């Protein structure tokens, strides 16, 4: 998510109408990783399929608000919102160009 901040900052400062094309790969990949982390966290994928075998487990509970809102879920929603905003931005720019 950190590269997205830098890319958006430069894109906004340069008024680059194509900034969404630079952000979308990062947000979609991040959303996929967050989805995978959620599936691990909720035991849909067994922890034995997890690449993190040493150190802190990928399924350790750090925050759990209302019994289901976790850090992996928050990251998934953050990436989903960024992706949605970039898609809306692209469609709005396409309408203005037409």
PDB file of N, CA and C in Angstrom:
ATOM      1  N   UNK A   1       0.826  -1.191   0.000  1.00  0.00           N
ATOM      2  CA  UNK A   1       0.000   0.000   0.000  1.00  0.00           C
ATOM      3  C   UNK A   1       0.874   1.261   0.000  1.00  0.00           C
ATOM      4  N   UNK A   2       2.072   1.166   0.521  1.00  0.00           N
ATOM      5  CA  UNK A   2       2.930   2.354   0.582  1.00  0.00           C
ATOM      6  C   UNK A   2       3.293   2.910  -0.790  1.00  0.00           C
ATOM      7  N   UNK A   3       3.583   2.076  -1.786  1.00  0.00           N
ATOM      8  CA  UNK A   3       3.863   2.655  -3.107  1.00  0.00           C
ATOM      9  C   UNK A   3       2.672   3.410  -3.685  1.00  0.00           C
ATOM     10  N   UNK A   4       1.469   3.000  -3.338  1.00  0.00           N
ATOM     11  CA  UNK A   4       0.275   3.679  -3.848  1.00  0.00           C
ATOM     12  C   UNK A   4       0.257   5.128  -3.377  1.00  0.00           C
ATOM     13  N   UNK A   5       0.659   5.361  -2.131  1.00  0.00           N
ATOM     14  CA  UNK A   5       0.688   6.725  -1.594  1.00  0.00           C
ATOM     15  C   UNK A   5       1.656   7.585  -2.401  1.00  0.00           C
ATOM     16  N   UNK A   6       2.850   7.053  -2.668  1.00  0.00           N
ATOM     17  CA  UNK A   6       3.844   7.810  -3.424  1.00  0.00           C
ATOM     18  C   UNK A   6       3.382   8.056  -4.859  1.00  0.00           C
ATOM     19  N   UNK A   7       2.823   7.036  -5.489  1.00  0.00           N
ATOM     20  CA  UNK A   7       2.365   7.170  -6.875  1.00  0.00           C
ATOM     21  C   UNK A   7       1.236   8.193  -6.974  1.00  0.00           C
ATOM     22  N   UNK A   8       0.278   8.112  -6.060  1.00  0.00           N
ATOM     23  CA  UNK A   8      -0.828   9.073  -6.085  1.00  0.00           C
ATOM     24  C   UNK A   8      -0.348  10.490  -5.797  1.00  0.00           C
ATOM     25  N   UNK A   9       0.603  10.650  -4.900  1.00  0.00           N
ATOM     26  CA  UNK A   9       1.133  11.983  -4.590  1.00  0.00           C
ATOM     27  C   UNK A   9       1.772  12.605  -5.829  1.00  0.00           C
ATOM     28  N   UNK A  10       2.626  11.846  -6.494  1.00  0.00           N
ATOM     29  CA  UNK A  10       3.271  12.357  -7.706  1.00  0.00           C
ATOM     30  C   UNK A  10       2.228  12.606  -8.798  1.00  0.00           C
ATOM     31  N   UNK A  11       1.289  11.695  -8.954  1.00  0.00           N
ATOM     32  CA  UNK A  11       0.251  11.857  -9.971  1.00  0.00           C
ATOM     33  C   UNK A  11      -0.621  13.074  -9.743  1.00  0.00           C
ATOM     34  N   UNK A  12      -0.955  13.336  -8.493  1.00  0.00           N
ATOM     35  CA  UNK A  12      -1.780  14.509  -8.171  1.00  0.00           C
ATOM     36  C   UNK A  12      -0.984  15.788  -8.395  1.00  0.00           C
ATOM     37  N   UNK A  13       0.261  15.801  -7.948  1.00  0.00           N
ATOM     38  CA  UNK A  13       1.088  17.000  -8.121  1.00  0.00           C
ATOM     39  C   UNK A  13       1.340  17.307  -9.597  1.00  0.00           C
ATOM     40  N   UNK A  14       1.478  16.289 -10.415  1.00  0.00           N
ATOM     41  CA  UNK A  14       1.714  16.485 -11.853  1.00  0.00           C
ATOM     42  C   UNK A  14       0.410  16.576 -12.643  1.00  0.00           C
ATOM     43  N   UNK A  15      -0.708  16.401 -11.969  1.00  0.00           N
ATOM     44  CA  UNK A  15      -2.039  16.402 -12.608  1.00  0.00           C
ATOM     45  C   UNK A  15      -2.090  15.391 -13.755  1.00  0.00           C
ATOM     46  N   UNK A  16      -1.570  14.217 -13.466  1.00  0.00           N
ATOM     47  CA  UNK A  16      -1.493  13.140 -14.451  1.00  0.00           C
ATOM     48  C   UNK A  16      -2.833  12.421 -14.520  1.00  0.00           C
ATOM     49  N   UNK A  17      -3.491  12.505 -15.654  1.00  0.00           N
ATOM     50  CA  UNK A  17      -4.806  11.859 -15.818  1.00  0.00           C
ATOM     51  C   UNK A  17      -4.689  10.338 -15.908  1.00  0.00           C
ATOM     52  N   UNK A  18      -3.476   9.829 -16.149  1.00  0.00           N
ATOM     53  CA  UNK A  18      -3.269   8.390 -16.254  1.00  0.00           C
ATOM     54  C   UNK A  18      -2.779   7.748 -14.971  1.00  0.00           C
ATOM     55  N   UNK A  19      -2.840   8.468 -13.867  1.00  0.00           N
ATOM     56  CA  UNK A  19      -2.311   7.940 -12.603  1.00  0.00           C
ATOM     57  C   UNK A  19      -3.040   6.658 -12.175  1.00  0.00           C
ATOM     58  N   UNK A  20      -4.286   6.533 -12.538  1.00  0.00           N
ATOM     59  CA  UNK A  20      -5.045   5.336 -12.156  1.00  0.00           C
ATOM     60  C   UNK A  20      -4.433   4.082 -12.764  1.00  0.00           C
ATOM     61  N   UNK A  21      -3.875   4.202 -13.979  1.00  0.00           N
ATOM     62  CA  UNK A  21      -3.249   3.046 -14.617  1.00  0.00           C
ATOM     63  C   UNK A  21      -2.000   2.600 -13.864  1.00  0.00           C
ATOM     64  N   UNK A  22      -1.342   3.518 -13.161  1.00  0.00           N
ATOM     65  CA  UNK A  22      -0.159   3.164 -12.372  1.00  0.00           C
ATOM     66  C   UNK A  22      -0.548   2.565 -11.026  1.00  0.00           C
ATOM     67  N   UNK A  23      -1.683   2.997 -10.498  1.00  0.00           N
ATOM     68  CA  UNK A  23      -2.125   2.554  -9.173  1.00  0.00           C
ATOM     69  C   UNK A  23      -2.844   1.209  -9.233  1.00  0.00           C
ATOM     70  N   UNK A  24      -3.628   0.994 -10.284  1.00  0.00           N
ATOM     71  CA  UNK A  24      -4.457  -0.216 -10.366  1.00  0.00           C
ATOM     72  C   UNK A  24      -3.685  -1.527 -10.208  1.00  0.00           C
ATOM     73  N   UNK A  25      -2.527  -1.716 -10.823  1.00  0.00           N
ATOM     74  CA  UNK A  25      -1.828  -2.996 -10.597  1.00  0.00           C
ATOM     75  C   UNK A  25      -1.493  -3.242  -9.127  1.00  0.00           C
ATOM     76  N   UNK A  26      -1.051  -2.191  -8.435  1.00  0.00           N
ATOM     77  CA  UNK A  26      -0.717  -2.343  -7.017  1.00  0.00           C
ATOM     78  C   UNK A  26      -1.953  -2.638  -6.177  1.00  0.00           C
ATOM     79  N   UNK A  27      -3.060  -1.948  -6.467  1.00  0.00           N
ATOM     80  CA  UNK A  27      -4.258  -2.149  -5.655  1.00  0.00           C
ATOM     81  C   UNK A  27      -4.898  -3.509  -5.913  1.00  0.00           C
ATOM     82  N   UNK A  28      -4.883  -3.968  -7.160  1.00  0.00           N
ATOM     83  CA  UNK A  28      -5.473  -5.279  -7.466  1.00  0.00           C
ATOM     84  C   UNK A  28      -4.616  -6.404  -6.875  1.00  0.00           C
ATOM     85  N   UNK A  29      -3.298  -6.296  -6.997  1.00  0.00           N
ATOM     86  CA  UNK A  29      -2.418  -7.305  -6.392  1.00  0.00           C
ATOM     87  C   UNK A  29      -2.558  -7.289  -4.878  1.00  0.00           C
ATOM     88  N   UNK A  30      -2.608  -6.102  -4.289  1.00  0.00           N
ATOM     89  CA  UNK A  30      -2.797  -5.993  -2.836  1.00  0.00           C
ATOM     90  C   UNK A  30      -4.119  -6.578  -2.387  1.00  0.00           C
ATOM     91  N   UNK A  31      -5.164  -6.379  -3.185  1.00  0.00           N
ATOM     92  CA  UNK A  31      -6.468  -6.940  -2.849  1.00  0.00           C
ATOM     93  C   UNK A  31      -6.421  -8.469  -2.907  1.00  0.00           C
ATOM     94  N   UNK A  32      -5.697  -9.008  -3.873  1.00  0.00           N
ATOM     95  CA  UNK A  32      -5.552 -10.468  -3.963  1.00  0.00           C
ATOM     96  C   UNK A  32      -4.796 -11.043  -2.764  1.00  0.00           C
ATOM     97  N   UNK A  33      -3.717 -10.372  -2.365  1.00  0.00           N
ATOM     98  CA  UNK A  33      -2.958 -10.831  -1.193  1.00  0.00           C
ATOM     99  C   UNK A  33      -3.803 -10.708   0.069  1.00  0.00           C
ATOM    100  N   UNK A  34      -4.557  -9.620   0.184  1.00  0.00           N
ATOM    101  CA  UNK A  34      -5.427  -9.442   1.349  1.00  0.00           C
ATOM    102  C   UNK A  34      -6.527 -10.501   1.381  1.00  0.00           C
ATOM    103  N   UNK A  35      -7.059 -10.853   0.215  1.00  0.00           N
ATOM    104  CA  UNK A  35      -8.070 -11.919   0.155  1.00  0.00           C
ATOM    105  C   UNK A  35      -7.469 -13.241   0.633  1.00  0.00           C
ATOM    106  N   UNK A  36      -6.280 -13.556   0.143  1.00  0.00           N
ATOM    107  CA  UNK A  36      -5.586 -14.780   0.565  1.00  0.00           C
ATOM    108  C   UNK A  36      -5.355 -14.781   2.082  1.00  0.00           C
ATOM    109  N   UNK A  37      -4.944 -13.636   2.623  1.00  0.00           N
ATOM    110  CA  UNK A  37      -4.713 -13.524   4.065  1.00  0.00           C
ATOM    111  C   UNK A  37      -6.011 -13.717   4.840  1.00  0.00           C
ATOM    112  N   UNK A  38      -7.119 -13.188   4.318  1.00  0.00           N
ATOM    113  CA  UNK A  38      -8.420 -13.393   4.962  1.00  0.00           C
ATOM    114  C   UNK A  38      -8.825 -14.856   4.948  1.00  0.00           C
ATOM    115  N   UNK A  39      -8.606 -15.528   3.812  1.00  0.00           N
ATOM    116  CA  UNK A  39      -8.942 -16.949   3.732  1.00  0.00           C
ATOM    117  C   UNK A  39      -8.116 -17.765   4.717  1.00  0.00           C
ATOM    118  N   UNK A  40      -6.857 -17.396   4.916  1.00  0.00           N
ATOM    119  CA  UNK A  40      -6.033 -18.054   5.934  1.00  0.00           C
ATOM    120  C   UNK A  40      -6.564 -17.755   7.329  1.00  0.00           C
ATOM    121  N   UNK A  41      -6.888 -16.498   7.568  1.00  0.00           N
ATOM    122  CA  UNK A  41      -7.312 -16.050   8.890  1.00  0.00           C
ATOM    123  C   UNK A  41      -8.610 -16.730   9.336  1.00  0.00           C
ATOM    124  N   UNK A  42      -9.541 -16.892   8.408  1.00  0.00           N
ATOM    125  CA  UNK A  42     -10.828 -17.503   8.747  1.00  0.00           C
ATOM    126  C   UNK A  42     -10.833 -19.020   8.535  1.00  0.00           C
ATOM    127  N   UNK A  43      -9.642 -19.609   8.392  1.00  0.00           N
ATOM    128  CA  UNK A  43      -9.443 -21.064   8.276  1.00  0.00           C
ATOM    129  C   UNK A  43     -10.155 -21.682   7.078  1.00  0.00           C
ATOM    130  N   UNK A  44     -10.362 -20.923   6.025  1.00  0.00           N
ATOM    131  CA  UNK A  44     -10.907 -21.478   4.796  1.00  0.00           C
ATOM    132  C   UNK A  44      -9.786 -22.202   4.054  1.00  0.00           C
ATOM    133  N   UNK A  45      -8.588 -21.623   4.080  1.00  0.00           N
ATOM    134  CA  UNK A  45      -7.378 -22.281   3.602  1.00  0.00           C
ATOM    135  C   UNK A  45      -6.626 -22.747   4.851  1.00  0.00           C
ATOM    136  N   UNK A  46      -6.185 -24.003   4.911  1.00  0.00           N
ATOM    137  CA  UNK A  46      -5.473 -24.462   6.106  1.00  0.00           C
ATOM    138  C   UNK A  46      -4.150 -23.724   6.291  1.00  0.00           C
ATOM    139  N   UNK A  47      -3.756 -23.529   7.543  1.00  0.00           N
ATOM    140  CA  UNK A  47      -2.522 -22.802   7.842  1.00  0.00           C
ATOM    141  C   UNK A  47      -1.291 -23.530   7.309  1.00  0.00           C
ATOM    142  N   UNK A  48      -1.408 -24.825   7.063  1.00  0.00           N
ATOM    143  CA  UNK A  48      -0.283 -25.568   6.491  1.00  0.00           C
ATOM    144  C   UNK A  48       0.032 -25.099   5.069  1.00  0.00           C
ATOM    145  N   UNK A  49      -0.938 -24.460   4.395  1.00  0.00           N
ATOM    146  CA  UNK A  49      -0.723 -23.927   3.051  1.00  0.00           C
ATOM    147  C   UNK A  49      -0.136 -22.527   3.091  1.00  0.00           C
ATOM    148  N   UNK A  50       0.131 -22.033   4.285  1.00  0.00           N
ATOM    149  CA  UNK A  50       0.664 -20.688   4.456  1.00  0.00           C
ATOM    150  C   UNK A  50       2.172 -20.659   4.238  1.00  0.00           C
ATOM    151  N   UNK A  51       2.672 -19.648   3.545  1.00  0.00           N
ATOM    152  CA  UNK A  51       4.114 -19.563   3.334  1.00  0.00           C
ATOM    153  C   UNK A  51       4.873 -19.102   4.578  1.00  0.00           C
ATOM    154  N   UNK A  52       4.175 -18.538   5.571  1.00  0.00           N
ATOM    155  CA  UNK A  52       4.866 -18.028   6.756  1.00  0.00           C
ATOM    156  C   UNK A  52       4.847 -19.093   7.852  1.00  0.00           C
ATOM    157  N   UNK A  53       5.878 -19.896   7.880  1.00  0.00           N
ATOM    158  CA  UNK A  53       5.971 -20.975   8.861  1.00  0.00           C
ATOM    159  C   UNK A  53       6.771 -20.560  10.094  1.00  0.00           C
ATOM    160  N   UNK A  54       7.716 -19.654   9.948  1.00  0.00           N
ATOM    161  CA  UNK A  54       8.535 -19.199  11.064  1.00  0.00           C
ATOM    162  C   UNK A  54       8.038 -17.857  11.557  1.00  0.00           C
ATOM    163  N   UNK A  55       8.244 -17.585  12.821  1.00  0.00           N
ATOM    164  CA  UNK A  55       7.860 -16.291  13.375  1.00  0.00           C
ATOM    165  C   UNK A  55       6.385 -16.229  13.714  1.00  0.00           C
ATOM    166  N   UNK A  56       5.827 -15.037  13.580  1.00  0.00           N
ATOM    167  CA  UNK A  56       4.425 -14.805  13.923  1.00  0.00           C
ATOM    168  C   UNK A  56       3.536 -15.451  12.868  1.00  0.00           C
ATOM    169  N   UNK A  57       2.510 -16.134  13.320  1.00  0.00           N
ATOM    170  CA  UNK A  57       1.572 -16.796  12.418  1.00  0.00           C
ATOM    171  C   UNK A  57       0.738 -15.771  11.658  1.00  0.00           C
ATOM    172  N   UNK A  58       0.342 -16.122  10.451  1.00  0.00           N
ATOM    173  CA  UNK A  58      -0.523 -15.248   9.645  1.00  0.00           C
ATOM    174  C   UNK A  58      -1.936 -15.175  10.208  1.00  0.00           C
ATOM    175  N   UNK A  59      -2.257 -16.064  11.121  1.00  0.00           N
ATOM    176  CA  UNK A  59      -3.616 -16.106  11.660  1.00  0.00           C
ATOM    177  C   UNK A  59      -3.692 -15.600  13.099  1.00  0.00           C
ATOM    178  N   UNK A  60      -2.625 -14.993  13.596  1.00  0.00           N
ATOM    179  CA  UNK A  60      -2.638 -14.440  14.948  1.00  0.00           C
ATOM    180  C   UNK A  60      -3.609 -13.272  15.014  1.00  0.00           C
ATOM    181  N   UNK A  61      -4.442 -13.259  16.049  1.00  0.00           N
ATOM    182  CA  UNK A  61      -5.430 -12.190  16.211  1.00  0.00           C
ATOM    183  C   UNK A  61      -4.791 -11.011  16.925  1.00  0.00           C
ATOM    184  N   UNK A  62      -4.711  -9.873  16.241  1.00  0.00           N
ATOM    185  CA  UNK A  62      -4.214  -8.654  16.863  1.00  0.00           C
ATOM    186  C   UNK A  62      -5.375  -7.727  17.196  1.00  0.00           C
ATOM    187  N   UNK A  63      -6.281  -7.569  16.266  1.00  0.00           N
ATOM    188  CA  UNK A  63      -7.462  -6.718  16.442  1.00  0.00           C
ATOM    189  C   UNK A  63      -8.663  -7.503  15.930  1.00  0.00           C
ATOM    190  N   UNK A  64      -9.751  -7.465  16.673  1.00  0.00           N
ATOM    191  CA  UNK A  64     -10.986  -8.077  16.193  1.00  0.00           C
ATOM    192  C   UNK A  64     -12.145  -7.271  16.759  1.00  0.00           C
ATOM    193  N   UNK A  65     -12.597  -6.302  15.953  1.00  0.00           N
ATOM    194  CA  UNK A  65     -13.708  -5.459  16.359  1.00  0.00           C
ATOM    195  C   UNK A  65     -15.020  -6.116  15.949  1.00  0.00           C
ATOM    196  N   UNK A  66     -16.005  -6.049  16.811  1.00  0.00           N
ATOM    197  CA  UNK A  66     -17.344  -6.588  16.564  1.00  0.00           C
ATOM    198  C   UNK A  66     -17.330  -8.077  16.230  1.00  0.00           C
ATOM    199  N   UNK A  67     -16.250  -8.765  16.571  1.00  0.00           N
ATOM    200  CA  UNK A  67     -16.169 -10.196  16.365  1.00  0.00           C
ATOM    201  C   UNK A  67     -15.764 -10.644  14.974  1.00  0.00           C
ATOM    202  N   UNK A  68     -15.600  -9.694  14.023  1.00  0.00           N
ATOM    203  CA  UNK A  68     -15.230 -10.120  12.676  1.00  0.00           C
ATOM    204  C   UNK A  68     -14.345  -9.124  11.929  1.00  0.00           C
ATOM    205  N   UNK A  69     -14.232  -7.893  12.366  1.00  0.00           N
ATOM    206  CA  UNK A  69     -13.427  -6.891  11.663  1.00  0.00           C
ATOM    207  C   UNK A  69     -11.975  -7.037  12.119  1.00  0.00           C
ATOM    208  N   UNK A  70     -11.141  -7.529  11.209  1.00  0.00           N
ATOM    209  CA  UNK A  70      -9.735  -7.804  11.521  1.00  0.00           C
ATOM    210  C   UNK A  70      -8.829  -6.949  10.631  1.00  0.00           C
ATOM    211  N   UNK A  71      -7.537  -6.968  10.927  1.00  0.00           N
ATOM    212  CA  UNK A  71      -6.581  -6.230  10.102  1.00  0.00           C
ATOM    213  C   UNK A  71      -6.597  -6.735   8.656  1.00  0.00           C
ATOM    214  N   UNK A  72      -6.598  -8.053   8.407  1.00  0.00           N
ATOM    215  CA  UNK A  72      -6.680  -8.497   7.012  1.00  0.00           C
ATOM    216  C   UNK A  72      -7.952  -8.030   6.300  1.00  0.00           C
ATOM    217  N   UNK A  73      -9.061  -8.008   7.005  1.00  0.00           N
ATOM    218  CA  UNK A  73     -10.314  -7.548   6.404  1.00  0.00           C
ATOM    219  C   UNK A  73     -10.251  -6.056   6.103  1.00  0.00           C
ATOM    220  N   UNK A  74      -9.669  -5.278   7.022  1.00  0.00           N
ATOM    221  CA  UNK A  74      -9.518  -3.850   6.789  1.00  0.00           C
ATOM    222  C   UNK A  74      -8.618  -3.576   5.587  1.00  0.00           C
ATOM    223  N   UNK A  75      -7.543  -4.351   5.455  1.00  0.00           N
ATOM    224  CA  UNK A  75      -6.660  -4.135   4.309  1.00  0.00           C
ATOM    225  C   UNK A  75      -7.367  -4.510   3.007  1.00  0.00           C
ATOM    226  N   UNK A  76      -8.169  -5.569   3.019  1.00  0.00           N
ATOM    227  CA  UNK A  76      -8.923  -5.938   1.829  1.00  0.00           C
ATOM    228  C   UNK A  76      -9.868  -4.814   1.425  1.00  0.00           C
ATOM    229  N   UNK A  77     -10.596  -4.254   2.400  1.00  0.00           N
ATOM    230  CA  UNK A  77     -11.525  -3.170   2.080  1.00  0.00           C
ATOM    231  C   UNK A  77     -10.785  -1.922   1.607  1.00  0.00           C
ATOM    232  N   UNK A  78      -9.630  -1.640   2.181  1.00  0.00           N
ATOM    233  CA  UNK A  78      -8.853  -0.476   1.751  1.00  0.00           C
ATOM    234  C   UNK A  78      -8.427  -0.630   0.295  1.00  0.00           C
ATOM    235  N   UNK A  79      -7.895  -1.804  -0.064  1.00  0.00           N
ATOM    236  CA  UNK A  79      -7.492  -2.034  -1.453  1.00  0.00           C
ATOM    237  C   UNK A  79      -8.709  -2.028  -2.388  1.00  0.00           C
ATOM    238  N   UNK A  80      -9.827  -2.573  -1.928  1.00  0.00           N
ATOM    239  CA  UNK A  80     -11.039  -2.585  -2.755  1.00  0.00           C
ATOM    240  C   UNK A  80     -11.543  -1.160  -2.997  1.00  0.00           C
ATOM    241  N   UNK A  81     -11.493  -0.315  -1.979  1.00  0.00           N
ATOM    242  CA  UNK A  81     -11.937   1.077  -2.130  1.00  0.00           C
ATOM    243  C   UNK A  81     -11.006   1.836  -3.066  1.00  0.00           C
ATOM    244  N   UNK A  82      -9.693   1.615  -2.931  1.00  0.00           N
ATOM    245  CA  UNK A  82      -8.733   2.268  -3.825  1.00  0.00           C
ATOM    246  C   UNK A  82      -8.985   1.825  -5.268  1.00  0.00           C
ATOM    247  N   UNK A  83      -9.193   0.523  -5.472  1.00  0.00           N
ATOM    248  CA  UNK A  83      -9.457   0.007  -6.811  1.00  0.00           C
ATOM    249  C   UNK A  83     -10.733   0.616  -7.377  1.00  0.00           C
ATOM    250  N   UNK A  84     -11.785   0.656  -6.585  1.00  0.00           N
ATOM    251  CA  UNK A  84     -13.049   1.237  -7.022  1.00  0.00           C
ATOM    252  C   UNK A  84     -12.884   2.711  -7.384  1.00  0.00           C
ATOM    253  N   UNK A  85     -12.174   3.459  -6.564  1.00  0.00           N
ATOM    254  CA  UNK A  85     -11.945   4.882  -6.848  1.00  0.00           C
ATOM    255  C   UNK A  85     -11.172   5.069  -8.145  1.00  0.00           C
ATOM    256  N   UNK A  86     -10.186   4.226  -8.396  1.00  0.00           N
ATOM    257  CA  UNK A  86      -9.399   4.347  -9.631  1.00  0.00           C
ATOM    258  C   UNK A  86     -10.241   3.996 -10.861  1.00  0.00           C
ATOM    259  N   UNK A  87     -11.105   2.993 -10.730  1.00  0.00           N
ATOM    260  CA  UNK A  87     -11.986   2.631 -11.846  1.00  0.00           C
ATOM    261  C   UNK A  87     -12.977   3.761 -12.121  1.00  0.00           C
ATOM    262  N   UNK A  88     -13.527   4.346 -11.088  1.00  0.00           N
ATOM    263  CA  UNK A  88     -14.442   5.489 -11.256  1.00  0.00           C
ATOM    264  C   UNK A  88     -13.703   6.653 -11.902  1.00  0.00           C
ATOM    265  N   UNK A  89     -12.482   6.915 -11.453  1.00  0.00           N
ATOM    266  CA  UNK A  89     -11.677   7.986 -12.026  1.00  0.00           C
ATOM    267  C   UNK A  89     -11.447   7.758 -13.520  1.00  0.00           C
ATOM    268  N   UNK A  90     -11.136   6.532 -13.890  1.00  0.00           N
ATOM    269  CA  UNK A  90     -10.911   6.214 -15.300  1.00  0.00           C
ATOM    270  C   UNK A  90     -12.182   6.402 -16.128  1.00  0.00           C
ATOM    271  N   UNK A  91     -13.324   5.934 -15.608  1.00  0.00           N
ATOM    272  CA  UNK A  91     -14.569   6.070 -16.365  1.00  0.00           C
ATOM    273  C   UNK A  91     -14.982   7.539 -16.487  1.00  0.00           C
ATOM    274  N   UNK A  92     -14.738   8.343 -15.446  1.00  0.00           N
ATOM    275  CA  UNK A  92     -15.067   9.767 -15.510  1.00  0.00           C
ATOM    276  C   UNK A  92     -14.191  10.478 -16.542  1.00  0.00           C
ATOM    277  N   UNK A  93     -12.910  10.122 -16.589  1.00  0.00           N
ATOM    278  CA  UNK A  93     -12.004  10.733 -17.575  1.00  0.00           C
ATOM    279  C   UNK A  93     -12.371  10.316 -18.994  1.00  0.00           C
ATOM    280  N   UNK A  94     -12.803   9.065 -19.147  1.00  0.00           N
ATOM    281  CA  UNK A  94     -13.183   8.589 -20.477  1.00  0.00           C
ATOM    282  C   UNK A  94     -14.421   9.338 -20.971  1.00  0.00           C
ATOM    283  N   UNK A  95     -15.377   9.614 -20.073  1.00  0.00           N
ATOM    284  CA  UNK A  95     -16.588  10.353 -20.447  1.00  0.00           C
ATOM    285  C   UNK A  95     -16.246  11.783 -20.848  1.00  0.00           C
ATOM    286  N   UNK A  96     -15.279  12.399 -20.125  1.00  0.00           N
ATOM    287  CA  UNK A  96     -14.894  13.785 -20.436  1.00  0.00           C
ATOM    288  C   UNK A  96     -14.194  13.875 -21.782  1.00  0.00           C
ATOM    289  N   UNK A  97     -13.447  12.836 -22.153  1.00  0.00           N
ATOM    290  CA  UNK A  97     -12.722  12.849 -23.415  1.00  0.00           C
ATOM    291  C   UNK A  97     -13.654  12.629 -24.608  1.00  0.00           C
ATOM    292  N   UNK A  98     -14.782  11.973 -24.360  1.00  0.00           N
ATOM    293  CA  UNK A  98     -15.719  11.667 -25.465  1.00  0.00           C
ATOM    294  C   UNK A  98     -16.512  12.855 -25.905  1.00  0.00           C
TER     295      UNK A  98
END
